[in-house]
């Protein structure tokens, strides 16, 4: 019995000594470590501030004619690091043929992918810039309308913008754009230019494709812009018998007109047929 108690006491002393040793070691180690200030983690509540929008086409939109359309960004107070854009559209009305990177976010994180009805690309600020703030062009789309109907380009819900110190998507608004190509106007001919009325005269008439002029990819006029003509031959006058009021007058014949001149008085031009009617041949 005494032997058992002695053994238990021995184990108790060993355990107590081990605990005291460990506590002492912990104290010595911690007393030699440098002290530091507490670290405060400042969690920023996500708040969208960035706006994406489409600009103005570089030229009037025409069916089957290429044009460009910029995409602009306004970061407001955010320091934007990346922008991943997904543009969707109706491929039966318009196609995007290429995407040119803008100067606002000059680094490329993901190559442009264009499929039927969708264009995807991701750009970023320089790694050592600490983000980009302000306004500028993110990208420029090259597109071609396939019809004269209205079409819409939309920022898909997969569009994502990130910024320094802000969690999640900091995109506030990304407005779509609806565009309508100009309607084609086919050309129409003007009236023929006037003829020279002189008998026996041969000449050329002209017309222009200005009624209306072709516009917005409309068709030009068909046919010739010139035509020739020849007037009937001049009549051959016979002898005139000067009677009545024209006695003593001087008569000159010019083409089919007769110039009757009373000396010292204003002249009068008479049509040949009228003179024949009045005075005979």
C-alpha atoms as a PDB file:
ATOM      1  CA  UNK A   1       0.000   0.000   0.000  1.00  0.00           C
ATOM      2  CA  UNK A   2       2.795   2.405   0.941  1.00  0.00           C
ATOM      3  CA  UNK A   3       4.600   1.426  -2.238  1.00  0.00           C
ATOM      4  CA  UNK A   4       1.570   2.362  -4.384  1.00  0.00           C
ATOM      5  CA  UNK A   5       1.223   5.791  -2.758  1.00  0.00           C
ATOM      6  CA  UNK A   6       4.888   6.486  -3.325  1.00  0.00           C
ATOM      7  CA  UNK A   7       4.559   5.679  -7.023  1.00  0.00           C
ATOM      8  CA  UNK A   8       1.529   7.967  -7.455  1.00  0.00           C
ATOM      9  CA  UNK A   9       3.315  10.830  -5.729  1.00  0.00           C
ATOM     10  CA  UNK A  10       6.282  10.340  -7.988  1.00  0.00           C
ATOM     11  CA  UNK A  11       4.119  10.603 -11.141  1.00  0.00           C
ATOM     12  CA  UNK A  12       2.366  13.694  -9.811  1.00  0.00           C
ATOM     13  CA  UNK A  13       5.663  15.459  -9.212  1.00  0.00           C
ATOM     14  CA  UNK A  14       6.879  14.595 -12.722  1.00  0.00           C
ATOM     15  CA  UNK A  15       3.657  15.942 -14.326  1.00  0.00           C
ATOM     16  CA  UNK A  16       3.752  19.123 -12.241  1.00  0.00           C
ATOM     17  CA  UNK A  17       7.366  19.730 -13.154  1.00  0.00           C
ATOM     18  CA  UNK A  18       6.632  19.270 -16.857  1.00  0.00           C
ATOM     19  CA  UNK A  19       3.797  21.797 -16.736  1.00  0.00           C
ATOM     20  CA  UNK A  20       5.956  24.339 -14.930  1.00  0.00           C
ATOM     21  CA  UNK A  21       8.730  23.812 -17.482  1.00  0.00           C
ATOM     22  CA  UNK A  22       6.407  24.444 -20.408  1.00  0.00           C
ATOM     23  CA  UNK A  23       4.963  27.574 -18.809  1.00  0.00           C
ATOM     24  CA  UNK A  24       8.432  28.913 -18.175  1.00  0.00           C
ATOM     25  CA  UNK A  25       9.543  28.221 -21.716  1.00  0.00           C
ATOM     26  CA  UNK A  26       6.467  30.004 -23.135  1.00  0.00           C
ATOM     27  CA  UNK A  27       7.174  33.048 -20.958  1.00  0.00           C
ATOM     28  CA  UNK A  28      10.821  33.235 -22.000  1.00  0.00           C
ATOM     29  CA  UNK A  29      10.011  32.933 -25.719  1.00  0.00           C
ATOM     30  CA  UNK A  30       7.248  35.556 -25.692  1.00  0.00           C
ATOM     31  CA  UNK A  31       9.251  37.989 -23.596  1.00  0.00           C
ATOM     32  CA  UNK A  32      11.950  38.003 -26.282  1.00  0.00           C
ATOM     33  CA  UNK A  33       9.603  38.527 -29.291  1.00  0.00           C
ATOM     34  CA  UNK A  34       9.260  42.130 -30.596  1.00  0.00           C
ATOM     35  CA  UNK A  35       5.941  43.738 -29.864  1.00  0.00           C
ATOM     36  CA  UNK A  36       3.694  44.989 -32.752  1.00  0.00           C
ATOM     37  CA  UNK A  37       0.621  47.153 -33.157  1.00  0.00           C
ATOM     38  CA  UNK A  38      -2.727  45.425 -33.702  1.00  0.00           C
ATOM     39  CA  UNK A  39      -3.705  44.968 -37.404  1.00  0.00           C
ATOM     40  CA  UNK A  40      -6.988  46.542 -38.355  1.00  0.00           C
ATOM     41  CA  UNK A  41      -8.778  45.076 -41.394  1.00  0.00           C
ATOM     42  CA  UNK A  42     -10.851  47.732 -43.096  1.00  0.00           C
ATOM     43  CA  UNK A  43     -13.542  45.980 -45.095  1.00  0.00           C
ATOM     44  CA  UNK A  44     -14.925  48.271 -47.793  1.00  0.00           C
ATOM     45  CA  UNK A  45     -18.585  47.848 -48.626  1.00  0.00           C
ATOM     46  CA  UNK A  46     -19.005  47.263 -52.380  1.00  0.00           C
ATOM     47  CA  UNK A  47     -20.458  50.328 -54.091  1.00  0.00           C
ATOM     48  CA  UNK A  48     -20.805  50.726 -57.864  1.00  0.00           C
ATOM     49  CA  UNK A  49     -19.366  53.952 -59.242  1.00  0.00           C
ATOM     50  CA  UNK A  50     -18.224  53.090 -62.781  1.00  0.00           C
ATOM     51  CA  UNK A  51     -20.221  53.883 -65.928  1.00  0.00           C
ATOM     52  CA  UNK A  52     -19.745  52.233 -69.320  1.00  0.00           C
ATOM     53  CA  UNK A  53     -21.366  53.654 -72.425  1.00  0.00           C
ATOM     54  CA  UNK A  54     -21.250  53.520 -76.204  1.00  0.00           C
ATOM     55  CA  UNK A  55     -20.097  56.603 -78.074  1.00  0.00           C
ATOM     56  CA  UNK A  56     -21.064  57.948 -81.499  1.00  0.00           C
ATOM     57  CA  UNK A  57     -20.406  56.023 -84.737  1.00  0.00           C
ATOM     58  CA  UNK A  58     -17.472  57.362 -86.744  1.00  0.00           C
ATOM     59  CA  UNK A  59     -19.651  57.724 -89.853  1.00  0.00           C
ATOM     60  CA  UNK A  60     -23.346  57.510 -90.751  1.00  0.00           C
ATOM     61  CA  UNK A  61     -24.425  53.888 -90.558  1.00  0.00           C
ATOM     62  CA  UNK A  62     -25.209  52.305 -93.915  1.00  0.00           C
ATOM     63  CA  UNK A  63     -26.209  48.787 -94.856  1.00  0.00           C
ATOM     64  CA  UNK A  64     -23.178  46.584 -95.640  1.00  0.00           C
ATOM     65  CA  UNK A  65     -20.789  49.448 -94.875  1.00  0.00           C
ATOM     66  CA  UNK A  66     -18.190  49.262 -92.093  1.00  0.00           C
ATOM     67  CA  UNK A  67     -18.151  51.812 -89.277  1.00  0.00           C
ATOM     68  CA  UNK A  68     -16.559  52.115 -85.832  1.00  0.00           C
ATOM     69  CA  UNK A  69     -18.127  52.687 -82.417  1.00  0.00           C
ATOM     70  CA  UNK A  70     -16.146  53.618 -79.266  1.00  0.00           C
ATOM     71  CA  UNK A  71     -16.852  52.322 -75.755  1.00  0.00           C
ATOM     72  CA  UNK A  72     -16.085  54.865 -73.038  1.00  0.00           C
ATOM     73  CA  UNK A  73     -15.626  54.556 -69.277  1.00  0.00           C
ATOM     74  CA  UNK A  74     -16.132  56.984 -66.399  1.00  0.00           C
ATOM     75  CA  UNK A  75     -14.654  55.636 -63.166  1.00  0.00           C
ATOM     76  CA  UNK A  76     -15.875  58.441 -60.887  1.00  0.00           C
ATOM     77  CA  UNK A  77     -13.949  57.948 -57.606  1.00  0.00           C
ATOM     78  CA  UNK A  78     -12.870  54.353 -58.267  1.00  0.00           C
ATOM     79  CA  UNK A  79      -9.353  53.269 -59.185  1.00  0.00           C
ATOM     80  CA  UNK A  80     -10.173  50.705 -61.848  1.00  0.00           C
ATOM     81  CA  UNK A  81      -7.835  47.753 -62.287  1.00  0.00           C
ATOM     82  CA  UNK A  82      -9.656  45.557 -64.822  1.00  0.00           C
ATOM     83  CA  UNK A  83     -12.645  45.681 -67.139  1.00  0.00           C
ATOM     84  CA  UNK A  84     -14.072  42.518 -68.644  1.00  0.00           C
ATOM     85  CA  UNK A  85     -16.697  43.418 -71.237  1.00  0.00           C
ATOM     86  CA  UNK A  86     -19.286  41.189 -72.875  1.00  0.00           C
ATOM     87  CA  UNK A  87     -21.180  42.818 -75.768  1.00  0.00           C
ATOM     88  CA  UNK A  88     -24.247  41.093 -77.224  1.00  0.00           C
ATOM     89  CA  UNK A  89     -26.220  41.880 -80.403  1.00  0.00           C
ATOM     90  CA  UNK A  90     -28.490  40.362 -83.053  1.00  0.00           C
ATOM     91  CA  UNK A  91     -26.173  38.742 -85.643  1.00  0.00           C
ATOM     92  CA  UNK A  92     -28.937  38.859 -88.259  1.00  0.00           C
ATOM     93  CA  UNK A  93     -28.915  42.675 -88.153  1.00  0.00           C
ATOM     94  CA  UNK A  94     -25.292  43.604 -87.427  1.00  0.00           C
ATOM     95  CA  UNK A  95     -21.894  41.972 -87.038  1.00  0.00           C
ATOM     96  CA  UNK A  96     -18.848  43.023 -85.027  1.00  0.00           C
ATOM     97  CA  UNK A  97     -15.787  42.310 -87.146  1.00  0.00           C
ATOM     98  CA  UNK A  98     -13.031  43.361 -84.721  1.00  0.00           C
ATOM     99  CA  UNK A  99     -12.250  45.124 -81.431  1.00  0.00           C
ATOM    100  CA  UNK A 100      -9.426  47.658 -81.047  1.00  0.00           C
ATOM    101  CA  UNK A 101      -8.056  48.202 -77.537  1.00  0.00           C
ATOM    102  CA  UNK A 102      -8.389  51.726 -76.170  1.00  0.00           C
ATOM    103  CA  UNK A 103      -5.760  53.728 -74.307  1.00  0.00           C
ATOM    104  CA  UNK A 104      -7.512  53.887 -70.935  1.00  0.00           C
ATOM    105  CA  UNK A 105      -6.667  50.295 -69.912  1.00  0.00           C
ATOM    106  CA  UNK A 106      -3.596  49.415 -72.013  1.00  0.00           C
ATOM    107  CA  UNK A 107      -2.903  45.874 -70.781  1.00  0.00           C
ATOM    108  CA  UNK A 108      -4.647  42.840 -72.275  1.00  0.00           C
ATOM    109  CA  UNK A 109      -5.665  40.101 -69.847  1.00  0.00           C
ATOM    110  CA  UNK A 110      -7.761  38.049 -72.261  1.00  0.00           C
ATOM    111  CA  UNK A 111      -7.759  38.057 -76.047  1.00  0.00           C
ATOM    112  CA  UNK A 112     -10.861  39.214 -77.873  1.00  0.00           C
ATOM    113  CA  UNK A 113     -13.332  36.462 -78.693  1.00  0.00           C
ATOM    114  CA  UNK A 114     -16.061  37.192 -81.244  1.00  0.00           C
ATOM    115  CA  UNK A 115     -18.783  34.636 -81.805  1.00  0.00           C
ATOM    116  CA  UNK A 116     -22.210  34.885 -83.391  1.00  0.00           C
ATOM    117  CA  UNK A 117     -23.942  37.645 -81.443  1.00  0.00           C
ATOM    118  CA  UNK A 118     -21.260  38.166 -78.773  1.00  0.00           C
ATOM    119  CA  UNK A 119     -17.884  39.890 -78.343  1.00  0.00           C
ATOM    120  CA  UNK A 120     -15.803  39.380 -75.169  1.00  0.00           C
ATOM    121  CA  UNK A 121     -12.534  41.059 -74.125  1.00  0.00           C
ATOM    122  CA  UNK A 122     -10.684  41.947 -70.897  1.00  0.00           C
ATOM    123  CA  UNK A 123      -8.306  44.874 -70.382  1.00  0.00           C
ATOM    124  CA  UNK A 124      -6.379  46.075 -67.325  1.00  0.00           C
ATOM    125  CA  UNK A 125      -4.453  49.005 -65.922  1.00  0.00           C
ATOM    126  CA  UNK A 126      -0.642  48.687 -65.702  1.00  0.00           C
ATOM    127  CA  UNK A 127       0.358  46.447 -62.800  1.00  0.00           C
ATOM    128  CA  UNK A 128       2.292  49.179 -60.977  1.00  0.00           C
ATOM    129  CA  UNK A 129      -0.219  51.979 -61.589  1.00  0.00           C
ATOM    130  CA  UNK A 130      -2.421  51.435 -58.558  1.00  0.00           C
ATOM    131  CA  UNK A 131      -5.519  51.524 -60.768  1.00  0.00           C
ATOM    132  CA  UNK A 132      -6.816  54.033 -63.304  1.00  0.00           C
ATOM    133  CA  UNK A 133      -9.194  56.888 -62.558  1.00  0.00           C
ATOM    134  CA  UNK A 134     -11.003  59.267 -64.899  1.00  0.00           C
ATOM    135  CA  UNK A 135     -12.648  58.954 -68.295  1.00  0.00           C
ATOM    136  CA  UNK A 136     -11.427  57.494 -71.564  1.00  0.00           C
ATOM    137  CA  UNK A 137     -11.882  54.931 -74.312  1.00  0.00           C
ATOM    138  CA  UNK A 138     -11.796  51.280 -73.294  1.00  0.00           C
ATOM    139  CA  UNK A 139     -12.224  49.844 -76.796  1.00  0.00           C
ATOM    140  CA  UNK A 140     -13.472  50.631 -80.294  1.00  0.00           C
ATOM    141  CA  UNK A 141     -15.759  48.216 -82.109  1.00  0.00           C
ATOM    142  CA  UNK A 142     -15.682  47.741 -85.876  1.00  0.00           C
ATOM    143  CA  UNK A 143     -19.168  46.824 -87.011  1.00  0.00           C
ATOM    144  CA  UNK A 144     -21.236  46.439 -90.175  1.00  0.00           C
ATOM    145  CA  UNK A 145     -25.040  46.636 -90.371  1.00  0.00           C
ATOM    146  CA  UNK A 146     -26.544  43.838 -92.440  1.00  0.00           C
ATOM    147  CA  UNK A 147     -29.947  45.475 -92.940  1.00  0.00           C
ATOM    148  CA  UNK A 148     -31.518  48.917 -92.787  1.00  0.00           C
ATOM    149  CA  UNK A 149     -33.405  47.912 -89.655  1.00  0.00           C
ATOM    150  CA  UNK A 150     -32.792  49.125 -86.105  1.00  0.00           C
ATOM    151  CA  UNK A 151     -30.383  47.092 -83.959  1.00  0.00           C
ATOM    152  CA  UNK A 152     -29.157  47.222 -80.343  1.00  0.00           C
ATOM    153  CA  UNK A 153     -25.776  46.612 -78.698  1.00  0.00           C
ATOM    154  CA  UNK A 154     -25.956  45.597 -75.034  1.00  0.00           C
ATOM    155  CA  UNK A 155     -23.494  45.098 -72.179  1.00  0.00           C
ATOM    156  CA  UNK A 156     -24.199  41.529 -71.084  1.00  0.00           C
ATOM    157  CA  UNK A 157     -24.632  40.737 -67.377  1.00  0.00           C
ATOM    158  CA  UNK A 158     -21.206  39.072 -67.508  1.00  0.00           C
ATOM    159  CA  UNK A 159     -19.561  42.504 -67.806  1.00  0.00           C
ATOM    160  CA  UNK A 160     -17.296  43.025 -64.766  1.00  0.00           C
ATOM    161  CA  UNK A 161     -15.220  45.986 -63.550  1.00  0.00           C
ATOM    162  CA  UNK A 162     -12.884  45.761 -60.544  1.00  0.00           C
ATOM    163  CA  UNK A 163     -11.180  48.513 -58.557  1.00  0.00           C
ATOM    164  CA  UNK A 164      -8.601  48.985 -55.802  1.00  0.00           C
ATOM    165  CA  UNK A 165     -10.053  48.591 -52.286  1.00  0.00           C
ATOM    166  CA  UNK A 166     -13.506  47.595 -53.528  1.00  0.00           C
ATOM    167  CA  UNK A 167     -14.891  44.096 -53.573  1.00  0.00           C
ATOM    168  CA  UNK A 168     -16.905  42.611 -56.396  1.00  0.00           C
ATOM    169  CA  UNK A 169     -18.236  44.400 -59.440  1.00  0.00           C
ATOM    170  CA  UNK A 170     -17.962  48.199 -59.170  1.00  0.00           C
ATOM    171  CA  UNK A 171     -20.016  48.789 -62.310  1.00  0.00           C
ATOM    172  CA  UNK A 172     -22.866  51.231 -61.680  1.00  0.00           C
ATOM    173  CA  UNK A 173     -24.441  51.593 -65.125  1.00  0.00           C
ATOM    174  CA  UNK A 174     -23.771  50.141 -68.566  1.00  0.00           C
ATOM    175  CA  UNK A 175     -26.262  51.578 -71.002  1.00  0.00           C
ATOM    176  CA  UNK A 176     -27.128  49.824 -74.284  1.00  0.00           C
ATOM    177  CA  UNK A 177     -27.327  51.698 -77.571  1.00  0.00           C
ATOM    178  CA  UNK A 178     -29.942  51.421 -80.321  1.00  0.00           C
ATOM    179  CA  UNK A 179     -28.910  52.449 -83.822  1.00  0.00           C
ATOM    180  CA  UNK A 180     -30.738  52.752 -87.140  1.00  0.00           C
ATOM    181  CA  UNK A 181     -28.826  52.805 -90.450  1.00  0.00           C
ATOM    182  CA  UNK A 182     -29.777  55.494 -92.937  1.00  0.00           C
ATOM    183  CA  UNK A 183     -32.328  54.463 -95.536  1.00  0.00           C
ATOM    184  CA  UNK A 184     -30.924  54.251 -99.096  1.00  0.00           C
ATOM    185  CA  UNK A 185     -32.179  56.788-101.655  1.00  0.00           C
ATOM    186  CA  UNK A 186     -32.147  55.710-105.310  1.00  0.00           C
ATOM    187  CA  UNK A 187     -31.236  58.322-107.904  1.00  0.00           C
ATOM    188  CA  UNK A 188     -33.695  59.812-110.414  1.00  0.00           C
ATOM    189  CA  UNK A 189     -33.188  61.707-113.674  1.00  0.00           C
ATOM    190  CA  UNK A 190     -33.833  65.413-114.048  1.00  0.00           C
ATOM    191  CA  UNK A 191     -35.708  66.780-117.089  1.00  0.00           C
ATOM    192  CA  UNK A 192     -33.834  67.054-120.383  1.00  0.00           C
ATOM    193  CA  UNK A 193     -32.181  70.388-121.049  1.00  0.00           C
ATOM    194  CA  UNK A 194     -33.997  72.714-123.480  1.00  0.00           C
ATOM    195  CA  UNK A 195     -33.590  72.348-127.234  1.00  0.00           C
ATOM    196  CA  UNK A 196     -32.401  75.124-129.494  1.00  0.00           C
ATOM    197  CA  UNK A 197     -35.598  76.041-131.385  1.00  0.00           C
ATOM    198  CA  UNK A 198     -33.903  77.083-134.627  1.00  0.00           C
ATOM    199  CA  UNK A 199     -35.108  75.178-137.666  1.00  0.00           C
ATOM    200  CA  UNK A 200     -32.639  72.689-139.058  1.00  0.00           C
ATOM    201  CA  UNK A 201     -30.537  72.849-135.866  1.00  0.00           C
ATOM    202  CA  UNK A 202     -28.853  69.677-134.570  1.00  0.00           C
ATOM    203  CA  UNK A 203     -27.811  69.562-130.930  1.00  0.00           C
ATOM    204  CA  UNK A 204     -27.472  67.548-127.735  1.00  0.00           C
ATOM    205  CA  UNK A 205     -29.688  67.523-124.668  1.00  0.00           C
ATOM    206  CA  UNK A 206     -28.382  66.577-121.228  1.00  0.00           C
ATOM    207  CA  UNK A 207     -29.898  65.431-117.959  1.00  0.00           C
ATOM    208  CA  UNK A 208     -28.483  64.768-114.480  1.00  0.00           C
ATOM    209  CA  UNK A 209     -29.066  62.115-111.833  1.00  0.00           C
ATOM    210  CA  UNK A 210     -30.247  64.650-109.288  1.00  0.00           C
ATOM    211  CA  UNK A 211     -34.000  64.130-108.974  1.00  0.00           C
ATOM    212  CA  UNK A 212     -33.142  62.947-106.383  1.00  0.00           C
ATOM    213  CA  UNK A 213     -29.418  62.307-106.240  1.00  0.00           C
ATOM    214  CA  UNK A 214     -28.522  58.816-104.975  1.00  0.00           C
ATOM    215  CA  UNK A 215     -27.705  58.768-101.254  1.00  0.00           C
ATOM    216  CA  UNK A 216     -26.983  56.384 -98.383  1.00  0.00           C
ATOM    217  CA  UNK A 217     -25.939  53.577-100.690  1.00  0.00           C
ATOM    218  CA  UNK A 218     -28.874  54.004-103.073  1.00  0.00           C
ATOM    219  CA  UNK A 219     -28.634  53.034-106.745  1.00  0.00           C
ATOM    220  CA  UNK A 220     -27.431  55.383-109.464  1.00  0.00           C
ATOM    221  CA  UNK A 221     -29.641  56.262-112.414  1.00  0.00           C
ATOM    222  CA  UNK A 222     -29.599  53.893-115.365  1.00  0.00           C
ATOM    223  CA  UNK A 223     -29.457  55.005-118.990  1.00  0.00           C
ATOM    224  CA  UNK A 224     -27.626  57.797-120.793  1.00  0.00           C
ATOM    225  CA  UNK A 225     -27.279  61.356-119.569  1.00  0.00           C
ATOM    226  CA  UNK A 226     -27.236  62.742-123.156  1.00  0.00           C
ATOM    227  CA  UNK A 227     -29.320  62.494-126.313  1.00  0.00           C
ATOM    228  CA  UNK A 228     -29.063  64.186-129.731  1.00  0.00           C
ATOM    229  CA  UNK A 229     -31.817  65.851-131.721  1.00  0.00           C
ATOM    230  CA  UNK A 230     -32.349  67.531-135.093  1.00  0.00           C
ATOM    231  CA  UNK A 231     -35.042  70.117-135.691  1.00  0.00           C
ATOM    232  CA  UNK A 232     -37.153  70.127-138.881  1.00  0.00           C
ATOM    233  CA  UNK A 233     -35.565  71.768-141.896  1.00  0.00           C
ATOM    234  CA  UNK A 234     -36.171  75.453-142.424  1.00  0.00           C
ATOM    235  CA  UNK A 235     -38.903  76.419-144.963  1.00  0.00           C
ATOM    236  CA  UNK A 236     -37.789  78.067-148.214  1.00  0.00           C
ATOM    237  CA  UNK A 237     -39.627  81.380-148.574  1.00  0.00           C
ATOM    238  CA  UNK A 238     -40.833  82.566-151.985  1.00  0.00           C
ATOM    239  CA  UNK A 239     -41.071  86.141-153.252  1.00  0.00           C
ATOM    240  CA  UNK A 240     -42.881  88.541-151.006  1.00  0.00           C
ATOM    241  CA  UNK A 241     -45.170  91.147-152.478  1.00  0.00           C
ATOM    242  CA  UNK A 242     -44.842  94.291-150.468  1.00  0.00           C
ATOM    243  CA  UNK A 243     -48.304  95.716-150.059  1.00  0.00           C
ATOM    244  CA  UNK A 244     -50.257  97.800-147.659  1.00  0.00           C
ATOM    245  CA  UNK A 245     -48.461  98.885-144.521  1.00  0.00           C
ATOM    246  CA  UNK A 246     -45.113  97.460-145.527  1.00  0.00           C
ATOM    247  CA  UNK A 247     -44.795  99.424-148.787  1.00  0.00           C
ATOM    248  CA  UNK A 248     -41.321 100.866-148.959  1.00  0.00           C
ATOM    249  CA  UNK A 249     -40.033  98.757-146.060  1.00  0.00           C
ATOM    250  CA  UNK A 250     -36.773  96.803-146.275  1.00  0.00           C
ATOM    251  CA  UNK A 251     -37.193  93.029-145.827  1.00  0.00           C
ATOM    252  CA  UNK A 252     -34.355  90.678-144.703  1.00  0.00           C
ATOM    253  CA  UNK A 253     -34.721  86.894-144.388  1.00  0.00           C
ATOM    254  CA  UNK A 254     -32.907  85.085-141.486  1.00  0.00           C
ATOM    255  CA  UNK A 255     -33.627  81.357-141.296  1.00  0.00           C
ATOM    256  CA  UNK A 256     -37.375  81.054-140.861  1.00  0.00           C
ATOM    257  CA  UNK A 257     -37.744  84.521-139.298  1.00  0.00           C
ATOM    258  CA  UNK A 258     -38.269  87.724-141.296  1.00  0.00           C
ATOM    259  CA  UNK A 259     -36.806  90.885-139.882  1.00  0.00           C
ATOM    260  CA  UNK A 260     -38.953  93.779-141.060  1.00  0.00           C
ATOM    261  CA  UNK A 261     -37.276  97.097-140.440  1.00  0.00           C
ATOM    262  CA  UNK A 262     -38.823 100.519-140.840  1.00  0.00           C
ATOM    263  CA  UNK A 263     -35.855 102.767-141.248  1.00  0.00           C
ATOM    264  CA  UNK A 264     -35.268 104.794-138.131  1.00  0.00           C
ATOM    265  CA  UNK A 265     -37.954 102.893-136.196  1.00  0.00           C
ATOM    266  CA  UNK A 266     -37.729  99.859-133.837  1.00  0.00           C
ATOM    267  CA  UNK A 267     -37.781  96.565-135.680  1.00  0.00           C
ATOM    268  CA  UNK A 268     -40.349  93.827-135.319  1.00  0.00           C
ATOM    269  CA  UNK A 269     -39.689  90.071-135.790  1.00  0.00           C
ATOM    270  CA  UNK A 270     -42.422  88.249-137.658  1.00  0.00           C
ATOM    271  CA  UNK A 271     -42.832  84.512-137.941  1.00  0.00           C
ATOM    272  CA  UNK A 272     -42.441  83.369-141.527  1.00  0.00           C
ATOM    273  CA  UNK A 273     -45.818  81.650-141.588  1.00  0.00           C
ATOM    274  CA  UNK A 274     -47.521  84.770-140.257  1.00  0.00           C
ATOM    275  CA  UNK A 275     -45.967  86.875-143.002  1.00  0.00           C
ATOM    276  CA  UNK A 276     -47.011  84.371-145.624  1.00  0.00           C
ATOM    277  CA  UNK A 277     -50.538  84.475-144.247  1.00  0.00           C
ATOM    278  CA  UNK A 278     -50.642  88.254-144.374  1.00  0.00           C
ATOM    279  CA  UNK A 279     -48.598  89.026-147.469  1.00  0.00           C
ATOM    280  CA  UNK A 280     -48.407  85.819-149.471  1.00  0.00           C
ATOM    281  CA  UNK A 281     -45.317  84.201-150.916  1.00  0.00           C
END
